[in-house]
C-alpha atoms as a PDB file:
ATOM      1  CA  UNK A   1      80.785-106.883 -84.781  1.00  0.00           C
ATOM      2  CA  UNK A   2      77.901-104.712 -85.908  1.00  0.00           C
ATOM      3  CA  UNK A   3      76.259-103.978 -89.272  1.00  0.00           C
ATOM      4  CA  UNK A   4      73.642-101.207 -89.490  1.00  0.00           C
ATOM      5  CA  UNK A   5      70.621-102.077 -91.615  1.00  0.00           C
ATOM      6  CA  UNK A   6      68.631 -99.233 -93.202  1.00  0.00           C
ATOM      7  CA  UNK A   7      70.429 -96.645 -91.076  1.00  0.00           C
ATOM      8  CA  UNK A   8      73.883 -95.203 -90.441  1.00  0.00           C
ATOM      9  CA  UNK A   9      75.620 -94.294 -87.197  1.00  0.00           C
ATOM     10  CA  UNK A  10      77.685 -91.163 -87.849  1.00  0.00           C
ATOM     11  CA  UNK A  11      79.141 -91.118 -84.330  1.00  0.00           C
ATOM     12  CA  UNK A  12      80.408 -94.686 -84.683  1.00  0.00           C
ATOM     13  CA  UNK A  13      81.717 -95.651 -88.145  1.00  0.00           C
ATOM     14  CA  UNK A  14      79.970 -98.951 -88.899  1.00  0.00           C
ATOM     15  CA  UNK A  15      79.406-101.179 -91.905  1.00  0.00           C
ATOM     16  CA  UNK A  16      75.936-100.469 -93.226  1.00  0.00           C
ATOM     17  CA  UNK A  17      73.388-101.464 -95.859  1.00  0.00           C
ATOM     18  CA  UNK A  18      70.664 -99.027 -96.869  1.00  0.00           C
ATOM     19  CA  UNK A  19      68.363 -98.177 -99.725  1.00  0.00           C
ATOM     20  CA  UNK A  20      68.920 -95.086-101.867  1.00  0.00           C
ATOM     21  CA  UNK A  21      66.135 -93.164-100.149  1.00  0.00           C
ATOM     22  CA  UNK A  22      66.623 -89.944-102.082  1.00  0.00           C
ATOM     23  CA  UNK A  23      66.708 -91.687-105.461  1.00  0.00           C
ATOM     24  CA  UNK A  24      63.630 -93.792-104.709  1.00  0.00           C
ATOM     25  CA  UNK A  25      61.632 -90.808-103.433  1.00  0.00           C
ATOM     26  CA  UNK A  26      62.683 -88.826-106.501  1.00  0.00           C
ATOM     27  CA  UNK A  27      61.369 -91.598-108.759  1.00  0.00           C
ATOM     28  CA  UNK A  28      58.064 -91.780-106.866  1.00  0.00           C
ATOM     29  CA  UNK A  29      57.387 -88.041-106.965  1.00  0.00           C
ATOM     30  CA  UNK A  30      58.550 -87.755-110.590  1.00  0.00           C
ATOM     31  CA  UNK A  31      55.906 -90.352-111.451  1.00  0.00           C
ATOM     32  CA  UNK A  32      53.253 -88.082-109.922  1.00  0.00           C
ATOM     33  CA  UNK A  33      54.628 -85.042-111.768  1.00  0.00           C
ATOM     34  CA  UNK A  34      54.478 -86.932-115.082  1.00  0.00           C
ATOM     35  CA  UNK A  35      50.802 -87.626-114.384  1.00  0.00           C
ATOM     36  CA  UNK A  36      50.234 -83.870-114.245  1.00  0.00           C
ATOM     37  CA  UNK A  37      50.196 -83.293-110.488  1.00  0.00           C
ATOM     38  CA  UNK A  38      51.474 -79.919-109.293  1.00  0.00           C
ATOM     39  CA  UNK A  39      50.176 -79.894-105.709  1.00  0.00           C
ATOM     40  CA  UNK A  40      51.915 -82.940-104.268  1.00  0.00           C
ATOM     41  CA  UNK A  41      52.002 -83.305-100.494  1.00  0.00           C
ATOM     42  CA  UNK A  42      54.637 -85.246 -98.598  1.00  0.00           C
ATOM     43  CA  UNK A  43      53.517 -86.927 -95.388  1.00  0.00           C
ATOM     44  CA  UNK A  44      56.983 -86.993 -93.909  1.00  0.00           C
ATOM     45  CA  UNK A  45      58.814 -88.472 -90.970  1.00  0.00           C
ATOM     46  CA  UNK A  46      60.692 -86.918 -88.034  1.00  0.00           C
ATOM     47  CA  UNK A  47      63.338 -84.365 -89.096  1.00  0.00           C
ATOM     48  CA  UNK A  48      65.978 -86.095 -86.975  1.00  0.00           C
ATOM     49  CA  UNK A  49      65.626 -89.366 -88.941  1.00  0.00           C
ATOM     50  CA  UNK A  50      68.103 -89.550 -91.813  1.00  0.00           C
ATOM     51  CA  UNK A  51      65.696 -91.673 -93.885  1.00  0.00           C
ATOM     52  CA  UNK A  52      63.024 -88.951 -93.597  1.00  0.00           C
ATOM     53  CA  UNK A  53      65.510 -86.242 -94.578  1.00  0.00           C
ATOM     54  CA  UNK A  54      66.740 -88.232 -97.579  1.00  0.00           C
ATOM     55  CA  UNK A  55      63.201 -88.927 -98.799  1.00  0.00           C
ATOM     56  CA  UNK A  56      62.357 -85.245 -98.440  1.00  0.00           C
ATOM     57  CA  UNK A  57      65.433 -84.388-100.542  1.00  0.00           C
ATOM     58  CA  UNK A  58      64.184 -86.743-103.257  1.00  0.00           C
ATOM     59  CA  UNK A  59      60.750 -85.085-103.140  1.00  0.00           C
ATOM     60  CA  UNK A  60      62.345 -81.650-103.482  1.00  0.00           C
ATOM     61  CA  UNK A  61      64.702 -82.748-106.281  1.00  0.00           C
ATOM     62  CA  UNK A  62      61.811 -84.147-108.330  1.00  0.00           C
ATOM     63  CA  UNK A  63      60.064 -80.771-108.070  1.00  0.00           C
ATOM     64  CA  UNK A  64      63.223 -78.843-108.881  1.00  0.00           C
ATOM     65  CA  UNK A  65      64.067 -80.908-111.963  1.00  0.00           C
ATOM     66  CA  UNK A  66      60.497 -80.589-113.267  1.00  0.00           C
ATOM     67  CA  UNK A  67      60.466 -76.847-112.454  1.00  0.00           C
ATOM     68  CA  UNK A  68      57.425 -77.334-110.250  1.00  0.00           C
ATOM     69  CA  UNK A  69      57.452 -75.112-107.134  1.00  0.00           C
ATOM     70  CA  UNK A  70      57.395 -76.864-103.762  1.00  0.00           C
ATOM     71  CA  UNK A  71      54.334 -75.609-101.856  1.00  0.00           C
ATOM     72  CA  UNK A  72      55.425 -75.134 -98.207  1.00  0.00           C
ATOM     73  CA  UNK A  73      51.996 -75.940 -96.742  1.00  0.00           C
ATOM     74  CA  UNK A  74      52.155 -79.375 -98.415  1.00  0.00           C
ATOM     75  CA  UNK A  75      55.476 -80.335 -96.780  1.00  0.00           C
ATOM     76  CA  UNK A  76      54.770 -82.023 -93.447  1.00  0.00           C
ATOM     77  CA  UNK A  77      56.681 -83.943 -90.784  1.00  0.00           C
ATOM     78  CA  UNK A  78      55.416 -86.706 -88.535  1.00  0.00           C
ATOM     79  CA  UNK A  79      56.408 -89.698 -86.446  1.00  0.00           C
ATOM     80  CA  UNK A  80      56.482 -92.664 -88.882  1.00  0.00           C
ATOM     81  CA  UNK A  81      53.276 -93.845 -87.183  1.00  0.00           C
ATOM     82  CA  UNK A  82      49.766 -94.497 -88.457  1.00  0.00           C
ATOM     83  CA  UNK A  83      48.335 -91.793 -86.201  1.00  0.00           C
ATOM     84  CA  UNK A  84      50.602 -89.180 -87.825  1.00  0.00           C
ATOM     85  CA  UNK A  85      49.498 -90.188 -91.318  1.00  0.00           C
ATOM     86  CA  UNK A  86      45.877 -89.940 -90.214  1.00  0.00           C
ATOM     87  CA  UNK A  87      46.122 -86.496 -88.578  1.00  0.00           C
ATOM     88  CA  UNK A  88      48.344 -84.969 -91.274  1.00  0.00           C
ATOM     89  CA  UNK A  89      46.063 -86.160 -94.078  1.00  0.00           C
ATOM     90  CA  UNK A  90      43.005 -84.792 -92.297  1.00  0.00           C
ATOM     91  CA  UNK A  91      44.819 -81.456 -92.132  1.00  0.00           C
ATOM     92  CA  UNK A  92      45.797 -81.588 -95.821  1.00  0.00           C
ATOM     93  CA  UNK A  93      42.230 -82.376 -96.894  1.00  0.00           C
ATOM     94  CA  UNK A  94      41.005 -79.378 -94.901  1.00  0.00           C
ATOM     95  CA  UNK A  95      43.225 -76.867 -96.725  1.00  0.00           C
ATOM     96  CA  UNK A  96      41.460 -74.311 -98.947  1.00  0.00           C
ATOM     97  CA  UNK A  97      43.402 -75.781-101.885  1.00  0.00           C
ATOM     98  CA  UNK A  98      44.125 -79.436-101.002  1.00  0.00           C
ATOM     99  CA  UNK A  99      46.770 -81.506-102.752  1.00  0.00           C
ATOM    100  CA  UNK A 100      45.863 -83.750-105.678  1.00  0.00           C
ATOM    101  CA  UNK A 101      48.526 -86.311-104.735  1.00  0.00           C
ATOM    102  CA  UNK A 102      50.269 -87.557-101.605  1.00  0.00           C
ATOM    103  CA  UNK A 103      53.681 -89.155-101.187  1.00  0.00           C
ATOM    104  CA  UNK A 104      53.831 -91.024 -97.863  1.00  0.00           C
ATOM    105  CA  UNK A 105      57.284 -91.845 -96.532  1.00  0.00           C
ATOM    106  CA  UNK A 106      56.710 -95.179 -94.775  1.00  0.00           C
ATOM    107  CA  UNK A 107      54.229 -98.037 -94.566  1.00  0.00           C
ATOM    108  CA  UNK A 108      52.621 -97.209 -91.202  1.00  0.00           C
ATOM    109  CA  UNK A 109      52.142 -93.596 -92.247  1.00  0.00           C
ATOM    110  CA  UNK A 110      50.559 -94.790 -95.490  1.00  0.00           C
ATOM    111  CA  UNK A 111      47.968 -96.794 -93.549  1.00  0.00           C
ATOM    112  CA  UNK A 112      47.024 -93.606 -91.683  1.00  0.00           C
ATOM    113  CA  UNK A 113      46.755 -91.718 -94.984  1.00  0.00           C
ATOM    114  CA  UNK A 114      44.460 -94.406 -96.379  1.00  0.00           C
ATOM    115  CA  UNK A 115      42.251 -94.262 -93.267  1.00  0.00           C
ATOM    116  CA  UNK A 116      41.889 -90.493 -93.547  1.00  0.00           C
ATOM    117  CA  UNK A 117      41.049 -90.647 -97.262  1.00  0.00           C
ATOM    118  CA  UNK A 118      38.456 -93.353 -96.661  1.00  0.00           C
ATOM    119  CA  UNK A 119      37.003 -91.435 -93.715  1.00  0.00           C
ATOM    120  CA  UNK A 120      36.612 -88.338 -95.931  1.00  0.00           C
ATOM    121  CA  UNK A 121      35.149 -90.331 -98.826  1.00  0.00           C
ATOM    122  CA  UNK A 122      37.998 -89.207-101.110  1.00  0.00           C
ATOM    123  CA  UNK A 123      38.205 -91.509-104.162  1.00  0.00           C
ATOM    124  CA  UNK A 124      41.637 -92.916-105.043  1.00  0.00           C
ATOM    125  CA  UNK A 125      42.904 -92.077-107.654  1.00  0.00           C
ATOM    126  CA  UNK A 126      39.859 -90.104-108.843  1.00  0.00           C
ATOM    127  CA  UNK A 127      40.392 -87.221-106.412  1.00  0.00           C
ATOM    128  CA  UNK A 128      43.704 -88.161-104.770  1.00  0.00           C
ATOM    129  CA  UNK A 129      46.686 -90.106-106.067  1.00  0.00           C
ATOM    130  CA  UNK A 130      48.824 -91.885-103.472  1.00  0.00           C
ATOM    131  CA  UNK A 131      52.337 -93.351-103.481  1.00  0.00           C
ATOM    132  CA  UNK A 132      53.666 -95.087-100.370  1.00  0.00           C
ATOM    133  CA  UNK A 133      57.275 -95.836 -99.408  1.00  0.00           C
ATOM    134  CA  UNK A 134      57.621 -99.550 -98.524  1.00  0.00           C
ATOM    135  CA  UNK A 135      55.564-102.314-100.033  1.00  0.00           C
ATOM    136  CA  UNK A 136      53.103-103.774 -97.528  1.00  0.00           C
ATOM    137  CA  UNK A 137      51.917-107.394 -97.892  1.00  0.00           C
ATOM    138  CA  UNK A 138      48.346-106.365 -98.728  1.00  0.00           C
ATOM    139  CA  UNK A 139      49.239-103.446-101.047  1.00  0.00           C
ATOM    140  CA  UNK A 140      48.223-105.242-104.237  1.00  0.00           C
ATOM    141  CA  UNK A 141      45.016-106.527-102.602  1.00  0.00           C
ATOM    142  CA  UNK A 142      43.731-103.069-101.700  1.00  0.00           C
ATOM    143  CA  UNK A 143      41.064-101.368-103.795  1.00  0.00           C
ATOM    144  CA  UNK A 144      42.700 -99.806-105.684  1.00  0.00           C
ATOM    145  CA  UNK A 145      46.051-101.613-105.416  1.00  0.00           C
ATOM    146  CA  UNK A 146      48.679 -99.301-103.941  1.00  0.00           C
ATOM    147  CA  UNK A 147      51.525 -97.728-105.924  1.00  0.00           C
ATOM    148  CA  UNK A 148      54.665 -98.038-103.791  1.00  0.00           C
ATOM    149  CA  UNK A 149      58.410 -97.773-103.578  1.00  0.00           C
ATOM    150  CA  UNK A 150      59.599-101.315-102.933  1.00  0.00           C
ATOM    151  CA  UNK A 151      62.760-101.764-100.906  1.00  0.00           C
ATOM    152  CA  UNK A 152      65.028-104.717-101.772  1.00  0.00           C
ATOM    153  CA  UNK A 153      64.685-106.156 -98.259  1.00  0.00           C
ATOM    154  CA  UNK A 154      65.979-109.656 -99.075  1.00  0.00           C
ATOM    155  CA  UNK A 155      69.064-108.276-100.825  1.00  0.00           C
ATOM    156  CA  UNK A 156      69.633-105.826 -97.970  1.00  0.00           C
ATOM    157  CA  UNK A 157      69.540-108.636 -95.407  1.00  0.00           C
ATOM    158  CA  UNK A 158      71.790-110.893 -97.459  1.00  0.00           C
ATOM    159  CA  UNK A 159      74.315-108.111 -98.037  1.00  0.00           C
ATOM    160  CA  UNK A 160      74.308-107.265 -94.315  1.00  0.00           C
ATOM    161  CA  UNK A 161      75.174-110.876 -93.464  1.00  0.00           C
ATOM    162  CA  UNK A 162      78.012-110.800 -96.007  1.00  0.00           C
ATOM    163  CA  UNK A 163      79.393-107.630 -94.434  1.00  0.00           C
ATOM    164  CA  UNK A 164      79.134-109.123 -90.951  1.00  0.00           C
ATOM    165  CA  UNK A 165      81.028-112.263 -91.958  1.00  0.00           C
ATOM    166  CA  UNK A 166      83.682-110.136 -93.661  1.00  0.00           C
ATOM    167  CA  UNK A 167      84.014-107.949 -90.539  1.00  0.00           C
ATOM    168  CA  UNK A 168      84.463-111.026 -88.306  1.00  0.00           C
ATOM    169  CA  UNK A 169      87.162-112.378 -90.611  1.00  0.00           C
ATOM    170  CA  UNK A 170      88.910-109.035 -91.148  1.00  0.00           C
ATOM    171  CA  UNK A 171      88.110-106.800 -88.161  1.00  0.00           C
ATOM    172  CA  UNK A 172      90.497-104.029 -89.262  1.00  0.00           C
ATOM    173  CA  UNK A 173      89.258-103.690 -92.857  1.00  0.00           C
ATOM    174  CA  UNK A 174      87.809-100.320 -94.034  1.00  0.00           C
ATOM    175  CA  UNK A 175      84.189 -99.564 -93.201  1.00  0.00           C
ATOM    176  CA  UNK A 176      81.786-100.326 -96.083  1.00  0.00           C
ATOM    177  CA  UNK A 177      78.582 -98.356 -96.721  1.00  0.00           C
ATOM    178  CA  UNK A 178      76.455-100.258 -99.232  1.00  0.00           C
ATOM    179  CA  UNK A 179      73.547 -98.518-100.936  1.00  0.00           C
ATOM    180  CA  UNK A 180      70.940-100.446-102.938  1.00  0.00           C
ATOM    181  CA  UNK A 181      68.260 -99.100-105.265  1.00  0.00           C
ATOM    182  CA  UNK A 182      64.551 -99.167-104.503  1.00  0.00           C
ATOM    183  CA  UNK A 183      62.015 -99.679-107.283  1.00  0.00           C
ATOM    184  CA  UNK A 184      58.728 -97.978-108.079  1.00  0.00           C
ATOM    185  CA  UNK A 185      55.826-100.418-108.416  1.00  0.00           C
ATOM    186  CA  UNK A 186      53.014 -98.643-110.245  1.00  0.00           C
ATOM    187  CA  UNK A 187      49.569 -99.974-109.384  1.00  0.00           C
ATOM    188  CA  UNK A 188      46.112 -98.437-109.293  1.00  0.00           C
ATOM    189  CA  UNK A 189      46.391 -95.694-106.649  1.00  0.00           C
ATOM    190  CA  UNK A 190      47.962 -93.131-108.987  1.00  0.00           C
ATOM    191  CA  UNK A 191      46.306 -91.449-111.933  1.00  0.00           C
ATOM    192  CA  UNK A 192      46.008 -88.125-113.779  1.00  0.00           C
ATOM    193  CA  UNK A 193      44.888 -84.938-112.063  1.00  0.00           C
ATOM    194  CA  UNK A 194      41.077 -84.676-112.056  1.00  0.00           C
ATOM    195  CA  UNK A 195      39.817 -82.392-114.849  1.00  0.00           C
ATOM    196  CA  UNK A 196      37.927 -80.280-112.320  1.00  0.00           C
ATOM    197  CA  UNK A 197      41.169 -79.229-110.634  1.00  0.00           C
ATOM    198  CA  UNK A 198      42.923 -77.756-113.660  1.00  0.00           C
ATOM    199  CA  UNK A 199      40.326 -76.921-116.333  1.00  0.00           C
END
């Protein structure tokens, strides 16, 4: 018996437990829009990863609902690794009109984003607001503490075990795809757009 955790296998129908990636990303980016940001970059993951695609859809939906145009040069893809977050953020900071906020789609990428911002001497949130996807153990200890999308990891694990036990007891029962909600934890890394950007 097999239960997929935080992913789905479309070739092989399998019980699964995942977070609502699109909904959580939508909430994160909407938070930035409410703060006045209009040039919001997404430091994304690989296009072949369903989690990256879903988080990108949430990013796009937040823009669409707020009637804020998506700026193509601010939509990036990467590898879910720290090195990708670092190189992409360096590129974003070098644009003629850099973003005022970044949404990073996983915890390793977020570490790379933070390294690049520190390397460039970019104050958070004074010159750049940042929201990461996944809460990291040290997020609230950073200076400033990091605003994140928190995944319900304990509930996901517990629900996966329940599905596995059910599958062992009833091997021919219909496949279940469980989706749980993430939550936005607002800390100190997000703030209003600097006055100097939009006079």
